[in-house]
Amino acid sequence: MSDLNGCSSCVHGSSCSRCPGLAYLEGDMRGPSIQDCEKSYARTGVMSWNLQKKKKREIPLTVVIA
């Protein structure tokens, strides 16, 4: 995985079960799959760089009770 965008310096590089099909469906076959990053996080409790980047982009949902 050393030649993949975002995966080369990932803390989960040695134990990741990266799926190129999922990465392709998410838009970049040569990059990480968010689903694979979430699986690695669930297994280790350590967030990857890609997962941290995704969490920063998320817009919090606001619930309005009328």
N, C-alpha and C. Protein backbone atom coordinates (compact mmCIF):
# COMPACT_ATOMS: atom_id res chain seq x y z
N MET A 1 0.80 -1.19 0.00
CA MET A 1 0.00 0.00 0.00
C MET A 1 0.85 1.26 0.00
N SER A 2 2.12 1.10 -0.13
CA SER A 2 3.01 2.26 -0.06
C SER A 2 2.85 3.22 -1.22
N ASP A 3 2.25 2.78 -2.32
CA ASP A 3 2.09 3.67 -3.46
C ASP A 3 0.69 4.27 -3.58
N LEU A 4 -0.15 4.06 -2.59
CA LEU A 4 -1.52 4.56 -2.65
C LEU A 4 -1.66 5.91 -1.96
N ASN A 5 -2.45 6.80 -2.56
CA ASN A 5 -2.69 8.12 -2.00
C ASN A 5 -3.33 8.02 -0.62
N GLY A 6 -2.70 8.60 0.38
CA GLY A 6 -3.26 8.59 1.72
C GLY A 6 -3.00 7.33 2.52
N CYS A 7 -2.57 6.28 1.88
CA CYS A 7 -2.34 5.01 2.58
C CYS A 7 -0.87 4.80 2.93
N SER A 8 0.02 5.46 2.24
CA SER A 8 1.44 5.18 2.39
C SER A 8 1.97 5.45 3.80
N SER A 9 1.41 6.44 4.49
CA SER A 9 1.89 6.75 5.84
C SER A 9 0.84 6.46 6.91
N CYS A 10 -0.14 5.66 6.59
CA CYS A 10 -1.23 5.37 7.52
C CYS A 10 -0.76 4.47 8.67
N VAL A 11 -1.29 4.73 9.84
CA VAL A 11 -0.94 3.93 11.01
C VAL A 11 -1.44 2.49 10.90
N HIS A 12 -2.39 2.24 10.03
CA HIS A 12 -2.97 0.91 9.86
C HIS A 12 -2.41 0.18 8.64
N GLY A 13 -1.35 0.69 8.06
CA GLY A 13 -0.79 0.13 6.84
C GLY A 13 -0.52 -1.35 6.88
N SER A 14 -0.05 -1.86 7.99
CA SER A 14 0.31 -3.28 8.06
C SER A 14 -0.87 -4.19 8.33
N SER A 15 -1.99 -3.64 8.82
CA SER A 15 -3.12 -4.49 9.17
C SER A 15 -4.41 -4.16 8.41
N CYS A 16 -4.34 -3.21 7.49
CA CYS A 16 -5.53 -2.78 6.76
C CYS A 16 -5.96 -3.84 5.75
N SER A 17 -7.26 -4.01 5.63
CA SER A 17 -7.80 -4.94 4.64
C SER A 17 -8.44 -4.16 3.50
N ARG A 18 -7.72 -3.14 3.01
CA ARG A 18 -8.23 -2.22 2.01
C ARG A 18 -8.84 -2.94 0.81
N CYS A 19 -10.02 -2.46 0.41
CA CYS A 19 -10.71 -3.02 -0.74
C CYS A 19 -10.69 -2.01 -1.89
N PRO A 20 -10.02 -2.31 -2.99
CA PRO A 20 -9.97 -1.38 -4.10
C PRO A 20 -11.35 -1.13 -4.71
N GLY A 21 -12.25 -2.09 -4.60
CA GLY A 21 -13.60 -1.92 -5.12
C GLY A 21 -14.36 -0.84 -4.35
N LEU A 22 -14.24 -0.87 -3.03
CA LEU A 22 -14.89 0.17 -2.21
C LEU A 22 -14.26 1.53 -2.49
N ALA A 23 -12.95 1.56 -2.61
CA ALA A 23 -12.26 2.82 -2.91
C ALA A 23 -12.73 3.36 -4.26
N TYR A 24 -12.90 2.49 -5.23
CA TYR A 24 -13.39 2.91 -6.55
C TYR A 24 -14.80 3.49 -6.45
N LEU A 25 -15.68 2.82 -5.71
CA LEU A 25 -17.05 3.31 -5.55
C LEU A 25 -17.09 4.65 -4.82
N GLU A 26 -16.11 4.91 -3.97
CA GLU A 26 -16.05 6.17 -3.24
C GLU A 26 -15.34 7.26 -4.03
N GLY A 27 -14.83 6.92 -5.22
CA GLY A 27 -14.30 7.95 -6.10
C GLY A 27 -12.82 7.91 -6.43
N ASP A 28 -12.02 7.10 -5.73
CA ASP A 28 -10.58 7.07 -6.01
C ASP A 28 -10.02 5.68 -5.76
N MET A 29 -9.90 4.90 -6.82
CA MET A 29 -9.42 3.53 -6.66
C MET A 29 -8.00 3.47 -6.11
N ARG A 30 -7.21 4.52 -6.30
CA ARG A 30 -5.84 4.54 -5.82
C ARG A 30 -5.72 5.18 -4.45
N GLY A 31 -6.84 5.40 -3.79
CA GLY A 31 -6.82 6.01 -2.46
C GLY A 31 -7.50 5.12 -1.43
N PRO A 32 -7.65 5.63 -0.23
CA PRO A 32 -8.27 4.85 0.82
C PRO A 32 -9.79 4.81 0.71
N SER A 33 -10.37 3.79 1.25
CA SER A 33 -11.82 3.67 1.36
C SER A 33 -12.21 4.05 2.78
N ILE A 34 -13.18 4.95 2.92
CA ILE A 34 -13.64 5.37 4.24
C ILE A 34 -14.14 4.16 5.03
N GLN A 35 -14.82 3.25 4.35
CA GLN A 35 -15.35 2.07 5.06
C GLN A 35 -14.21 1.22 5.63
N ASP A 36 -13.14 1.08 4.87
CA ASP A 36 -11.99 0.32 5.38
C ASP A 36 -11.33 1.04 6.54
N CYS A 37 -11.25 2.38 6.46
CA CYS A 37 -10.69 3.16 7.56
C CYS A 37 -11.54 3.02 8.82
N GLU A 38 -12.87 3.01 8.64
CA GLU A 38 -13.76 2.84 9.79
C GLU A 38 -13.60 1.46 10.41
N LYS A 39 -13.40 0.43 9.57
CA LYS A 39 -13.16 -0.92 10.09
C LYS A 39 -11.88 -0.98 10.91
N SER A 40 -10.83 -0.35 10.40
CA SER A 40 -9.55 -0.33 11.12
C SER A 40 -9.70 0.42 12.44
N TYR A 41 -10.45 1.51 12.42
CA TYR A 41 -10.69 2.29 13.65
C TYR A 41 -11.47 1.45 14.67
N ALA A 42 -12.47 0.72 14.22
CA ALA A 42 -13.25 -0.13 15.13
C ALA A 42 -12.38 -1.22 15.75
N ARG A 43 -11.42 -1.72 14.96
CA ARG A 43 -10.55 -2.79 15.43
C ARG A 43 -9.48 -2.27 16.40
N THR A 44 -8.96 -1.06 16.17
CA THR A 44 -7.82 -0.59 16.96
C THR A 44 -8.10 0.60 17.88
N GLY A 45 -9.14 1.38 17.57
CA GLY A 45 -9.42 2.58 18.36
C GLY A 45 -8.55 3.76 17.98
N VAL A 46 -7.77 3.62 16.90
CA VAL A 46 -6.89 4.68 16.43
C VAL A 46 -7.41 5.18 15.09
N MET A 47 -7.67 6.48 15.00
CA MET A 47 -8.18 7.04 13.75
C MET A 47 -7.06 7.22 12.73
N SER A 48 -7.32 6.84 11.51
CA SER A 48 -6.37 7.08 10.42
C SER A 48 -6.47 8.53 9.98
N TRP A 49 -5.48 8.97 9.21
CA TRP A 49 -5.49 10.34 8.69
C TRP A 49 -6.72 10.57 7.84
N ASN A 50 -7.08 9.60 7.01
CA ASN A 50 -8.22 9.73 6.12
C ASN A 50 -9.53 9.86 6.91
N LEU A 51 -9.66 9.12 7.97
CA LEU A 51 -10.87 9.18 8.79
C LEU A 51 -10.94 10.51 9.54
N GLN A 52 -9.82 11.01 10.01
CA GLN A 52 -9.81 12.31 10.67
C GLN A 52 -10.21 13.40 9.70
N LYS A 53 -9.72 13.31 8.47
CA LYS A 53 -10.06 14.30 7.44
C LYS A 53 -11.56 14.26 7.14
N LYS A 54 -12.13 13.06 7.09
CA LYS A 54 -13.56 12.92 6.81
C LYS A 54 -14.39 13.53 7.94
N LYS A 55 -13.99 13.29 9.16
CA LYS A 55 -14.74 13.81 10.31
C LYS A 55 -14.74 15.33 10.33
N LYS A 56 -13.65 15.96 9.87
CA LYS A 56 -13.59 17.42 9.82
C LYS A 56 -14.53 17.98 8.77
N ARG A 57 -14.76 17.23 7.69
CA ARG A 57 -15.63 17.69 6.61
C ARG A 57 -17.11 17.55 6.93
N GLU A 58 -17.44 16.66 7.84
CA GLU A 58 -18.85 16.42 8.14
C GLU A 58 -19.50 17.64 8.75
N ILE A 59 -20.70 17.92 8.32
CA ILE A 59 -21.46 19.03 8.87
C ILE A 59 -22.40 18.46 9.93
N PRO A 60 -22.34 18.98 11.14
CA PRO A 60 -23.19 18.45 12.19
C PRO A 60 -24.67 18.63 11.84
N LEU A 61 -25.43 17.63 12.15
CA LEU A 61 -26.87 17.65 11.92
C LEU A 61 -27.55 18.44 13.04
N THR A 62 -28.41 19.35 12.68
CA THR A 62 -29.13 20.13 13.67
C THR A 62 -30.56 19.65 13.71
N VAL A 63 -31.03 19.27 14.86
CA VAL A 63 -32.39 18.82 15.04
C VAL A 63 -33.23 19.98 15.56
N VAL A 64 -34.31 20.26 14.84
CA VAL A 64 -35.20 21.33 15.24
C VAL A 64 -36.52 20.71 15.66
N ILE A 65 -36.91 20.97 16.89
CA ILE A 65 -38.18 20.46 17.40
C ILE A 65 -39.15 21.63 17.45
N ALA A 66 -40.24 21.51 16.69
CA ALA A 66 -41.18 22.62 16.63
C ALA A 66 -42.44 22.31 17.41
